[in-house]
Amino acid sequence: QLLNEPAVKTILQNNELLDVVWATVQTNLDDLV
């Protein structure tokens, strides 16, 4: 249900944003937890 929300679908279709988010998570993963 969460993945089917329109706002979430828009984000999942934005590859540029997903790359930025993923790179940020990877760089700061341990500190984020």
Full PDB file with SEQRES, HELIX, SHEET, SSBOND, CRYST1, ORIGX, SCALE, CONECT and MASTER records, all heavy atoms in Angstrom:
SEQRES   1 A   33  GLN LEU LEU ASN GLU PRO ALA VAL LYS THR ILE LEU GLN          
SEQRES   2 A   33  ASN ASN GLU LEU LEU ASP VAL VAL TRP ALA THR VAL GLN          
SEQRES   3 A   33  THR ASN LEU ASP ASP LEU VAL                                  
HELIX    1 AA1 PRO A    6  LEU A   12  1                                   7    
HELIX    2 AA2 ASN A   15  LEU A   32  1                                  18    
CRYST1    1.000    1.000    1.000  90.00  90.00  90.00 P 1           1          
ORIGX1      1.000000  0.000000  0.000000        0.00000                         
ORIGX2      0.000000  1.000000  0.000000        0.00000                         
ORIGX3      0.000000  0.000000  1.000000        0.00000                         
SCALE1      1.000000  0.000000  0.000000        0.00000                         
SCALE2      0.000000  1.000000  0.000000        0.00000                         
SCALE3      0.000000  0.000000  1.000000        0.00000                         
ATOM      1  N   GLN A   1       0.829  -1.201   0.000  1.00  0.00           N  
ATOM      2  CA  GLN A   1       0.000   0.000   0.000  1.00  0.00           C  
ATOM      3  C   GLN A   1       0.866   1.254   0.000  1.00  0.00           C  
ATOM      4  O   GLN A   1       0.545   2.237  -0.687  1.00  0.00           O  
ATOM      5  CB  GLN A   1      -0.920   0.000   1.223  1.00  0.00           C  
ATOM      6  CG  GLN A   1      -1.822   1.234   1.326  1.00  0.00           C  
ATOM      7  CD  GLN A   1      -2.716   1.209   2.552  1.00  0.00           C  
ATOM      8  OE1 GLN A   1      -2.989   0.145   3.115  1.00  0.00           O  
ATOM      9  NE2 GLN A   1      -3.157   2.381   2.973  1.00  0.00           N  
ATOM     10  N   LEU A   2       1.950   1.235   0.761  1.00  0.00           N  
ATOM     11  CA  LEU A   2       2.839   2.395   0.799  1.00  0.00           C  
ATOM     12  C   LEU A   2       3.474   2.646  -0.567  1.00  0.00           C  
ATOM     13  O   LEU A   2       3.578   3.788  -1.012  1.00  0.00           O  
ATOM     14  CB  LEU A   2       3.927   2.175   1.850  1.00  0.00           C  
ATOM     15  CG  LEU A   2       3.467   2.098   3.307  1.00  0.00           C  
ATOM     16  CD1 LEU A   2       4.636   1.745   4.213  1.00  0.00           C  
ATOM     17  CD2 LEU A   2       2.846   3.408   3.756  1.00  0.00           C  
ATOM     18  N   LEU A   3       3.899   1.564  -1.230  1.00  0.00           N  
ATOM     19  CA  LEU A   3       4.550   1.720  -2.526  1.00  0.00           C  
ATOM     20  C   LEU A   3       3.585   2.175  -3.610  1.00  0.00           C  
ATOM     21  O   LEU A   3       4.012   2.717  -4.632  1.00  0.00           O  
ATOM     22  CB  LEU A   3       5.204   0.396  -2.936  1.00  0.00           C  
ATOM     23  CG  LEU A   3       6.373  -0.075  -2.067  1.00  0.00           C  
ATOM     24  CD1 LEU A   3       6.887  -1.425  -2.542  1.00  0.00           C  
ATOM     25  CD2 LEU A   3       7.503   0.953  -2.058  1.00  0.00           C  
ATOM     26  N   ASN A   4       2.295   1.955  -3.391  1.00  0.00           N  
ATOM     27  CA  ASN A   4       1.298   2.361  -4.374  1.00  0.00           C  
ATOM     28  C   ASN A   4       0.801   3.788  -4.177  1.00  0.00           C  
ATOM     29  O   ASN A   4      -0.014   4.281  -4.972  1.00  0.00           O  
ATOM     30  CB  ASN A   4       0.103   1.404  -4.343  1.00  0.00           C  
ATOM     31  CG  ASN A   4       0.405   0.095  -5.047  1.00  0.00           C  
ATOM     32  OD1 ASN A   4       1.122   0.078  -6.044  1.00  0.00           O  
ATOM     33  ND2 ASN A   4      -0.114  -1.008  -4.523  1.00  0.00           N  
ATOM     34  N   GLU A   5       1.263   4.456  -3.125  1.00  0.00           N  
ATOM     35  CA  GLU A   5       0.894   5.851  -2.931  1.00  0.00           C  
ATOM     36  C   GLU A   5       1.454   6.699  -4.078  1.00  0.00           C  
ATOM     37  O   GLU A   5       2.614   6.514  -4.476  1.00  0.00           O  
ATOM     38  CB  GLU A   5       1.423   6.369  -1.595  1.00  0.00           C  
ATOM     39  CG  GLU A   5       0.737   5.790  -0.365  1.00  0.00           C  
ATOM     40  CD  GLU A   5      -0.704   6.251  -0.241  1.00  0.00           C  
ATOM     41  OE1 GLU A   5      -1.021   7.343  -0.772  1.00  0.00           O  
ATOM     42  OE2 GLU A   5      -1.509   5.526   0.358  1.00  0.00           O  
ATOM     43  N   PRO A   6       0.661   7.616  -4.635  1.00  0.00           N  
ATOM     44  CA  PRO A   6       1.139   8.423  -5.781  1.00  0.00           C  
ATOM     45  C   PRO A   6       2.461   9.138  -5.515  1.00  0.00           C  
ATOM     46  O   PRO A   6       3.317   9.186  -6.407  1.00  0.00           O  
ATOM     47  CB  PRO A   6      -0.005   9.422  -5.988  1.00  0.00           C  
ATOM     48  CG  PRO A   6      -1.225   8.722  -5.455  1.00  0.00           C  
ATOM     49  CD  PRO A   6      -0.746   7.905  -4.291  1.00  0.00           C  
ATOM     50  N   ALA A   7       2.619   9.684  -4.313  1.00  0.00           N  
ATOM     51  CA  ALA A   7       3.858  10.411  -4.008  1.00  0.00           C  
ATOM     52  C   ALA A   7       5.059   9.476  -4.031  1.00  0.00           C  
ATOM     53  O   ALA A   7       6.156   9.859  -4.464  1.00  0.00           O  
ATOM     54  CB  ALA A   7       3.750  11.093  -2.642  1.00  0.00           C  
ATOM     55  N   VAL A   8       4.871   8.243  -3.573  1.00  0.00           N  
ATOM     56  CA  VAL A   8       5.957   7.267  -3.572  1.00  0.00           C  
ATOM     57  C   VAL A   8       6.260   6.812  -4.996  1.00  0.00           C  
ATOM     58  O   VAL A   8       7.422   6.674  -5.385  1.00  0.00           O  
ATOM     59  CB  VAL A   8       5.603   6.064  -2.687  1.00  0.00           C  
ATOM     60  CG1 VAL A   8       6.712   5.006  -2.745  1.00  0.00           C  
ATOM     61  CG2 VAL A   8       5.383   6.507  -1.243  1.00  0.00           C  
ATOM     62  N   LYS A   9       5.220   6.585  -5.785  1.00  0.00           N  
ATOM     63  CA  LYS A   9       5.422   6.181  -7.177  1.00  0.00           C  
ATOM     64  C   LYS A   9       6.227   7.226  -7.946  1.00  0.00           C  
ATOM     65  O   LYS A   9       7.096   6.890  -8.754  1.00  0.00           O  
ATOM     66  CB  LYS A   9       4.074   5.957  -7.861  1.00  0.00           C  
ATOM     67  CG  LYS A   9       3.369   4.657  -7.474  1.00  0.00           C  
ATOM     68  CD  LYS A   9       2.104   4.486  -8.297  1.00  0.00           C  
ATOM     69  CE  LYS A   9       1.435   3.157  -8.018  1.00  0.00           C  
ATOM     70  NZ  LYS A   9       0.206   2.977  -8.831  1.00  0.00           N  
ATOM     71  N   THR A  10       5.934   8.491  -7.693  1.00  0.00           N  
ATOM     72  CA  THR A  10       6.666   9.565  -8.365  1.00  0.00           C  
ATOM     73  C   THR A  10       8.151   9.501  -8.047  1.00  0.00           C  
ATOM     74  O   THR A  10       9.004   9.682  -8.927  1.00  0.00           O  
ATOM     75  CB  THR A  10       6.102  10.932  -7.948  1.00  0.00           C  
ATOM     76  OG1 THR A  10       4.715  11.005  -8.294  1.00  0.00           O  
ATOM     77  CG2 THR A  10       6.851  12.065  -8.631  1.00  0.00           C  
ATOM     78  N   ILE A  11       8.464   9.225  -6.785  1.00  0.00           N  
ATOM     79  CA  ILE A  11       9.863   9.141  -6.372  1.00  0.00           C  
ATOM     80  C   ILE A  11      10.530   7.927  -7.001  1.00  0.00           C  
ATOM     81  O   ILE A  11      11.673   8.004  -7.480  1.00  0.00           O  
ATOM     82  CB  ILE A  11       9.951   9.085  -4.831  1.00  0.00           C  
ATOM     83  CG1 ILE A  11       9.513  10.423  -4.243  1.00  0.00           C  
ATOM     84  CG2 ILE A  11      11.367   8.736  -4.382  1.00  0.00           C  
ATOM     85  CD1 ILE A  11       9.454  10.427  -2.732  1.00  0.00           C  
ATOM     86  N   LEU A  12       9.854   6.789  -7.005  1.00  0.00           N  
ATOM     87  CA  LEU A  12      10.428   5.563  -7.549  1.00  0.00           C  
ATOM     88  C   LEU A  12      10.692   5.668  -9.039  1.00  0.00           C  
ATOM     89  O   LEU A  12      11.537   4.939  -9.582  1.00  0.00           O  
ATOM     90  CB  LEU A  12       9.506   4.381  -7.259  1.00  0.00           C  
ATOM     91  CG  LEU A  12       9.334   4.006  -5.774  1.00  0.00           C  
ATOM     92  CD1 LEU A  12       8.356   2.852  -5.630  1.00  0.00           C  
ATOM     93  CD2 LEU A  12      10.676   3.648  -5.153  1.00  0.00           C  
ATOM     94  N   GLN A  13       9.973   6.554  -9.723  1.00  0.00           N  
ATOM     95  CA  GLN A  13      10.174   6.750 -11.156  1.00  0.00           C  
ATOM     96  C   GLN A  13      11.257   7.781 -11.460  1.00  0.00           C  
ATOM     97  O   GLN A  13      11.607   7.979 -12.631  1.00  0.00           O  
ATOM     98  CB  GLN A  13       8.858   7.174 -11.807  1.00  0.00           C  
ATOM     99  CG  GLN A  13       7.776   6.094 -11.758  1.00  0.00           C  
ATOM    100  CD  GLN A  13       6.407   6.608 -12.162  1.00  0.00           C  
ATOM    101  OE1 GLN A  13       6.234   7.795 -12.427  1.00  0.00           O  
ATOM    102  NE2 GLN A  13       5.418   5.726 -12.188  1.00  0.00           N  
ATOM    103  N   ASN A  14      11.785   8.410 -10.419  1.00  0.00           N  
ATOM    104  CA  ASN A  14      12.802   9.436 -10.593  1.00  0.00           C  
ATOM    105  C   ASN A  14      14.181   8.820 -10.328  1.00  0.00           C  
ATOM    106  O   ASN A  14      14.649   8.774  -9.194  1.00  0.00           O  
ATOM    107  CB  ASN A  14      12.531  10.605  -9.621  1.00  0.00           C  
ATOM    108  CG  ASN A  14      13.434  11.792  -9.885  1.00  0.00           C  
ATOM    109  OD1 ASN A  14      14.513  11.670 -10.472  1.00  0.00           O  
ATOM    110  ND2 ASN A  14      13.003  12.960  -9.432  1.00  0.00           N  
ATOM    111  N   ASN A  15      14.819   8.325 -11.372  1.00  0.00           N  
ATOM    112  CA  ASN A  15      16.099   7.630 -11.204  1.00  0.00           C  
ATOM    113  C   ASN A  15      17.186   8.550 -10.670  1.00  0.00           C  
ATOM    114  O   ASN A  15      18.050   8.120  -9.891  1.00  0.00           O  
ATOM    115  CB  ASN A  15      16.550   7.025 -12.542  1.00  0.00           C  
ATOM    116  CG  ASN A  15      15.660   5.879 -12.980  1.00  0.00           C  
ATOM    117  OD1 ASN A  15      15.129   5.138 -12.144  1.00  0.00           O  
ATOM    118  ND2 ASN A  15      15.485   5.719 -14.280  1.00  0.00           N  
ATOM    119  N   GLU A  16      17.149   9.807 -11.093  1.00  0.00           N  
ATOM    120  CA  GLU A  16      18.169  10.754 -10.605  1.00  0.00           C  
ATOM    121  C   GLU A  16      18.062  10.938  -9.099  1.00  0.00           C  
ATOM    122  O   GLU A  16      19.078  10.920  -8.387  1.00  0.00           O  
ATOM    123  CB  GLU A  16      17.985  12.095 -11.332  1.00  0.00           C  
ATOM    124  CG  GLU A  16      18.999  13.168 -10.952  1.00  0.00           C  
ATOM    125  CD  GLU A  16      18.545  14.030  -9.775  1.00  0.00           C  
ATOM    126  OE1 GLU A  16      17.314  14.160  -9.588  1.00  0.00           O  
ATOM    127  OE2 GLU A  16      19.413  14.543  -9.040  1.00  0.00           O  
ATOM    128  N   LEU A  17      16.849  11.080  -8.594  1.00  0.00           N  
ATOM    129  CA  LEU A  17      16.651  11.230  -7.153  1.00  0.00           C  
ATOM    130  C   LEU A  17      17.040   9.964  -6.417  1.00  0.00           C  
ATOM    131  O   LEU A  17      17.699  10.025  -5.366  1.00  0.00           O  
ATOM    132  CB  LEU A  17      15.187  11.578  -6.864  1.00  0.00           C  
ATOM    133  CG  LEU A  17      14.780  11.624  -5.384  1.00  0.00           C  
ATOM    134  CD1 LEU A  17      15.602  12.653  -4.629  1.00  0.00           C  
ATOM    135  CD2 LEU A  17      13.291  11.927  -5.251  1.00  0.00           C  
ATOM    136  N   LEU A  18      16.672   8.803  -6.951  1.00  0.00           N  
ATOM    137  CA  LEU A  18      17.020   7.540  -6.307  1.00  0.00           C  
ATOM    138  C   LEU A  18      18.529   7.367  -6.215  1.00  0.00           C  
ATOM    139  O   LEU A  18      19.050   6.881  -5.204  1.00  0.00           O  
ATOM    140  CB  LEU A  18      16.405   6.367  -7.074  1.00  0.00           C  
ATOM    141  CG  LEU A  18      14.881   6.256  -7.038  1.00  0.00           C  
ATOM    142  CD1 LEU A  18      14.423   5.074  -7.882  1.00  0.00           C  
ATOM    143  CD2 LEU A  18      14.378   6.107  -5.606  1.00  0.00           C  
ATOM    144  N   ASP A  19      19.254   7.769  -7.257  1.00  0.00           N  
ATOM    145  CA  ASP A  19      20.716   7.672  -7.228  1.00  0.00           C  
ATOM    146  C   ASP A  19      21.303   8.565  -6.142  1.00  0.00           C  
ATOM    147  O   ASP A  19      22.239   8.170  -5.432  1.00  0.00           O  
ATOM    148  CB  ASP A  19      21.296   8.052  -8.591  1.00  0.00           C  
ATOM    149  CG  ASP A  19      21.011   7.005  -9.657  1.00  0.00           C  
ATOM    150  OD1 ASP A  19      20.696   5.851  -9.287  1.00  0.00           O  
ATOM    151  OD2 ASP A  19      21.092   7.339 -10.861  1.00  0.00           O  
ATOM    152  N   VAL A  20      20.750   9.776  -6.018  1.00  0.00           N  
ATOM    153  CA  VAL A  20      21.251  10.713  -5.002  1.00  0.00           C  
ATOM    154  C   VAL A  20      20.973  10.178  -3.598  1.00  0.00           C  
ATOM    155  O   VAL A  20      21.851  10.187  -2.724  1.00  0.00           O  
ATOM    156  CB  VAL A  20      20.603  12.103  -5.191  1.00  0.00           C  
ATOM    157  CG1 VAL A  20      20.972  13.021  -4.023  1.00  0.00           C  
ATOM    158  CG2 VAL A  20      21.044  12.727  -6.500  1.00  0.00           C  
ATOM    159  N   VAL A  21      19.754   9.688  -3.386  1.00  0.00           N  
ATOM    160  CA  VAL A  21      19.394   9.149  -2.070  1.00  0.00           C  
ATOM    161  C   VAL A  21      20.251   7.946  -1.733  1.00  0.00           C  
ATOM    162  O   VAL A  21      20.776   7.826  -0.619  1.00  0.00           O  
ATOM    163  CB  VAL A  21      17.902   8.773  -2.032  1.00  0.00           C  
ATOM    164  CG1 VAL A  21      17.568   8.050  -0.734  1.00  0.00           C  
ATOM    165  CG2 VAL A  21      17.032  10.015  -2.172  1.00  0.00           C  
ATOM    166  N   TRP A  22      20.423   7.042  -2.704  1.00  0.00           N  
ATOM    167  CA  TRP A  22      21.205   5.831  -2.454  1.00  0.00           C  
ATOM    168  C   TRP A  22      22.660   6.178  -2.148  1.00  0.00           C  
ATOM    169  O   TRP A  22      23.277   5.582  -1.242  1.00  0.00           O  
ATOM    170  CB  TRP A  22      21.108   4.903  -3.651  1.00  0.00           C  
ATOM    171  CG  TRP A  22      21.970   3.683  -3.549  1.00  0.00           C  
ATOM    172  CD1 TRP A  22      22.993   3.317  -4.360  1.00  0.00           C  
ATOM    173  CD2 TRP A  22      21.875   2.649  -2.559  1.00  0.00           C  
ATOM    174  NE1 TRP A  22      23.544   2.137  -3.952  1.00  0.00           N  
ATOM    175  CE2 TRP A  22      22.878   1.698  -2.841  1.00  0.00           C  
ATOM    176  CE3 TRP A  22      21.040   2.444  -1.461  1.00  0.00           C  
ATOM    177  CZ2 TRP A  22      23.070   0.551  -2.071  1.00  0.00           C  
ATOM    178  CZ3 TRP A  22      21.227   1.298  -0.684  1.00  0.00           C  
ATOM    179  CH2 TRP A  22      22.231   0.377  -0.991  1.00  0.00           C  
ATOM    180  N   ALA A  23      23.232   7.114  -2.897  1.00  0.00           N  
ATOM    181  CA  ALA A  23      24.614   7.514  -2.644  1.00  0.00           C  
ATOM    182  C   ALA A  23      24.757   8.127  -1.250  1.00  0.00           C  
ATOM    183  O   ALA A  23      25.742   7.871  -0.538  1.00  0.00           O  
ATOM    184  CB  ALA A  23      25.082   8.507  -3.709  1.00  0.00           C  
ATOM    185  N   THR A  24      23.770   8.924  -0.841  1.00  0.00           N  
ATOM    186  CA  THR A  24      23.807   9.537   0.487  1.00  0.00           C  
ATOM    187  C   THR A  24      23.707   8.480   1.578  1.00  0.00           C  
ATOM    188  O   THR A  24      24.431   8.532   2.585  1.00  0.00           O  
ATOM    189  CB  THR A  24      22.666  10.554   0.639  1.00  0.00           C  
ATOM    190  OG1 THR A  24      22.735  11.510  -0.415  1.00  0.00           O  
ATOM    191  CG2 THR A  24      22.751  11.273   1.978  1.00  0.00           C  
ATOM    192  N   VAL A  25      22.815   7.513   1.383  1.00  0.00           N  
ATOM    193  CA  VAL A  25      22.657   6.442   2.376  1.00  0.00           C  
ATOM    194  C   VAL A  25      23.931   5.629   2.477  1.00  0.00           C  
ATOM    195  O   VAL A  25      24.408   5.328   3.585  1.00  0.00           O  
ATOM    196  CB  VAL A  25      21.467   5.541   2.004  1.00  0.00           C  
ATOM    197  CG1 VAL A  25      21.427   4.303   2.896  1.00  0.00           C  
ATOM    198  CG2 VAL A  25      20.153   6.306   2.146  1.00  0.00           C  
ATOM    199  N   GLN A  26      24.507   5.240   1.338  1.00  0.00           N  
ATOM    200  CA  GLN A  26      25.723   4.434   1.345  1.00  0.00           C  
ATOM    201  C   GLN A  26      26.861   5.134   2.078  1.00  0.00           C  
ATOM    202  O   GLN A  26      27.588   4.505   2.857  1.00  0.00           O  
ATOM    203  CB  GLN A  26      26.157   4.130  -0.086  1.00  0.00           C  
ATOM    204  CG  GLN A  26      25.454   2.952  -0.730  1.00  0.00           C  
ATOM    205  CD  GLN A  26      26.119   2.588  -2.039  1.00  0.00           C  
ATOM    206  OE1 GLN A  26      26.268   3.420  -2.938  1.00  0.00           O  
ATOM    207  NE2 GLN A  26      26.512   1.340  -2.172  1.00  0.00           N  
ATOM    208  N   THR A  27      26.996   6.420   1.831  1.00  0.00           N  
ATOM    209  CA  THR A  27      28.113   7.173   2.412  1.00  0.00           C  
ATOM    210  C   THR A  27      27.984   7.321   3.920  1.00  0.00           C  
ATOM    211  O   THR A  27      28.989   7.381   4.635  1.00  0.00           O  
ATOM    212  CB  THR A  27      28.198   8.562   1.760  1.00  0.00           C  
ATOM    213  OG1 THR A  27      28.282   8.415   0.340  1.00  0.00           O  
ATOM    214  CG2 THR A  27      29.413   9.322   2.258  1.00  0.00           C  
ATOM    215  N   ASN A  28      26.757   7.360   4.418  1.00  0.00           N  
ATOM    216  CA  ASN A  28      26.539   7.687   5.828  1.00  0.00           C  
ATOM    217  C   ASN A  28      25.797   6.580   6.584  1.00  0.00           C  
ATOM    218  O   ASN A  28      25.216   6.840   7.641  1.00  0.00           O  
ATOM    219  CB  ASN A  28      25.720   8.979   5.938  1.00  0.00           C  
ATOM    220  CG  ASN A  28      26.378  10.141   5.219  1.00  0.00           C  
ATOM    221  OD1 ASN A  28      27.318  10.741   5.700  1.00  0.00           O  
ATOM    222  ND2 ASN A  28      25.866  10.464   4.036  1.00  0.00           N  
ATOM    223  N   LEU A  29      25.827   5.353   6.077  1.00  0.00           N  
ATOM    224  CA  LEU A  29      24.958   4.297   6.585  1.00  0.00           C  
ATOM    225  C   LEU A  29      25.173   4.033   8.078  1.00  0.00           C  
ATOM    226  O   LEU A  29      24.217   4.027   8.863  1.00  0.00           O  
ATOM    227  CB  LEU A  29      25.174   3.020   5.777  1.00  0.00           C  
ATOM    228  CG  LEU A  29      24.220   1.870   6.055  1.00  0.00           C  
ATOM    229  CD1 LEU A  29      22.769   2.316   5.931  1.00  0.00           C  
ATOM    230  CD2 LEU A  29      24.493   0.719   5.095  1.00  0.00           C  
ATOM    231  N   ASP A  30      26.404   3.798   8.484  1.00  0.00           N  
ATOM    232  CA  ASP A  30      26.667   3.467   9.888  1.00  0.00           C  
ATOM    233  C   ASP A  30      26.311   4.627  10.808  1.00  0.00           C  
ATOM    234  O   ASP A  30      25.710   4.435  11.878  1.00  0.00           O  
ATOM    235  CB  ASP A  30      28.143   3.079  10.074  1.00  0.00           C  
ATOM    236  CG  ASP A  30      28.492   1.778   9.372  1.00  0.00           C  
ATOM    237  OD1 ASP A  30      27.583   0.927   9.213  1.00  0.00           O  
ATOM    238  OD2 ASP A  30      29.650   1.616   8.959  1.00  0.00           O  
ATOM    239  N   ASP A  31      26.673   5.837  10.392  1.00  0.00           N  
ATOM    240  CA  ASP A  31      26.374   7.007  11.212  1.00  0.00           C  
ATOM    241  C   ASP A  31      24.874   7.242  11.299  1.00  0.00           C  
ATOM    242  O   ASP A  31      24.351   7.641  12.345  1.00  0.00           O  
ATOM    243  CB  ASP A  31      27.063   8.241  10.615  1.00  0.00           C  
ATOM    244  CG  ASP A  31      26.890   9.482  11.467  1.00  0.00           C  
ATOM    245  OD1 ASP A  31      27.469   9.543  12.561  1.00  0.00           O  
ATOM    246  OD2 ASP A  31      26.144  10.389  11.038  1.00  0.00           O  
ATOM    247  N   LEU A  32      24.149   6.977  10.211  1.00  0.00           N  
ATOM    248  CA  LEU A  32      22.698   7.158  10.189  1.00  0.00           C  
ATOM    249  C   LEU A  32      22.013   6.241  11.193  1.00  0.00           C  
ATOM    250  O   LEU A  32      21.093   6.665  11.906  1.00  0.00           O  
ATOM    251  CB  LEU A  32      22.162   6.903   8.782  1.00  0.00           C  
ATOM    252  CG  LEU A  32      20.644   6.894   8.606  1.00  0.00           C  
ATOM    253  CD1 LEU A  32      20.028   8.216   9.040  1.00  0.00           C  
ATOM    254  CD2 LEU A  32      20.280   6.598   7.155  1.00  0.00           C  
ATOM    255  N   VAL A  33      22.438   4.990  11.265  1.00  0.00           N  
ATOM    256  CA  VAL A  33      21.842   4.045  12.210  1.00  0.00           C  
ATOM    257  C   VAL A  33      22.073   4.521  13.652  1.00  0.00           C  
ATOM    258  O   VAL A  33      21.161   4.486  14.486  1.00  0.00           O  
ATOM    259  CB  VAL A  33      22.426   2.641  12.004  1.00  0.00           C  
ATOM    260  CG1 VAL A  33      21.942   1.690  13.095  1.00  0.00           C  
ATOM    261  CG2 VAL A  33      22.029   2.102  10.629  1.00  0.00           C  
TER     262      VAL A  33                                                      
MASTER        0    0    0    2    0    0    0    6  261    1    0    3          
END                                                                             
